Amino acid sequence: MSDGNTGAAGGGAIYALGIFGAWVWFWQQADAFWEYVLAIIQGLFWPAWMVYDLFKALAG
């Protein structure tokens, strides 16, 4: 029997790959200690900023 949560597991894997990719990107752009700290934070929250900007653009 399926419990209906299989889609959530796939979405979590894609989200995790996006975070790792963002960390690689932002880490390569950093030059100083605080920029590396900011890169870690940006990697965690970039999907939220991206979705917010997408909805803002769609709204007009």
Protein backbone atom coordinates (compact mmCIF):
# COMPACT_ATOMS: atom_id res chain seq x y z
CA MET A 1 0.00 0.00 0.00
CA SER A 2 1.14 3.50 -0.76
CA ASP A 3 0.94 6.12 1.94
CA GLY A 4 1.09 9.05 -0.49
CA ASN A 5 4.40 10.51 0.74
CA THR A 6 6.65 9.35 -2.10
CA GLY A 7 6.41 12.69 -3.92
CA ALA A 8 7.64 14.54 -0.86
CA ALA A 9 10.80 12.44 -0.73
CA GLY A 10 11.61 13.22 -4.35
CA GLY A 11 11.03 16.92 -3.80
CA GLY A 12 13.32 16.90 -0.79
CA ALA A 13 16.10 15.33 -2.83
CA ILE A 14 15.76 17.98 -5.53
CA TYR A 15 15.71 20.73 -2.89
CA ALA A 16 18.89 19.31 -1.33
CA LEU A 17 20.65 19.20 -4.71
CA GLY A 18 19.67 22.83 -5.24
CA ILE A 19 21.13 23.80 -1.87
CA PHE A 20 24.41 22.00 -2.60
CA GLY A 21 24.59 23.64 -6.01
CA ALA A 22 23.93 27.06 -4.50
CA TRP A 23 26.64 26.48 -1.89
CA VAL A 24 29.15 25.64 -4.61
CA TRP A 25 28.18 28.72 -6.59
CA PHE A 26 28.21 31.19 -3.68
CA TRP A 27 31.36 29.61 -2.18
CA GLN A 28 33.26 30.20 -5.45
CA GLN A 29 32.17 33.84 -5.45
CA ALA A 30 33.37 34.51 -1.88
CA ASP A 31 36.78 36.04 -1.11
CA ALA A 32 36.74 36.81 2.64
CA PHE A 33 35.63 35.04 5.83
CA TRP A 34 32.30 36.85 6.17
CA GLU A 35 31.53 36.27 2.52
CA TYR A 36 31.92 32.52 3.16
CA VAL A 37 29.53 32.79 6.11
CA LEU A 38 27.06 34.66 3.91
CA ALA A 39 27.49 32.00 1.20
CA ILE A 40 26.31 29.32 3.64
CA ILE A 41 23.26 31.39 4.59
CA GLN A 42 22.46 32.24 0.98
CA GLY A 43 22.71 28.58 0.01
CA LEU A 44 20.10 27.66 2.59
CA PHE A 45 17.60 30.38 1.73
CA TRP A 46 18.03 30.96 -2.01
CA PRO A 47 14.93 28.91 -2.97
CA ALA A 48 12.71 31.13 -0.83
CA TRP A 49 14.15 34.28 -2.40
CA MET A 50 13.80 32.80 -5.87
CA VAL A 51 10.13 31.85 -5.37
CA TYR A 52 9.38 35.25 -3.84
CA ASP A 53 10.92 37.05 -6.82
CA LEU A 54 9.05 34.75 -9.23
CA PHE A 55 5.70 35.50 -7.61
CA LYS A 56 6.53 39.21 -7.52
CA ALA A 57 7.30 39.14 -11.25
CA LEU A 58 4.13 37.20 -12.04
CA ALA A 59 2.01 39.64 -10.03
CA GLY A 60 3.14 42.51 -12.16
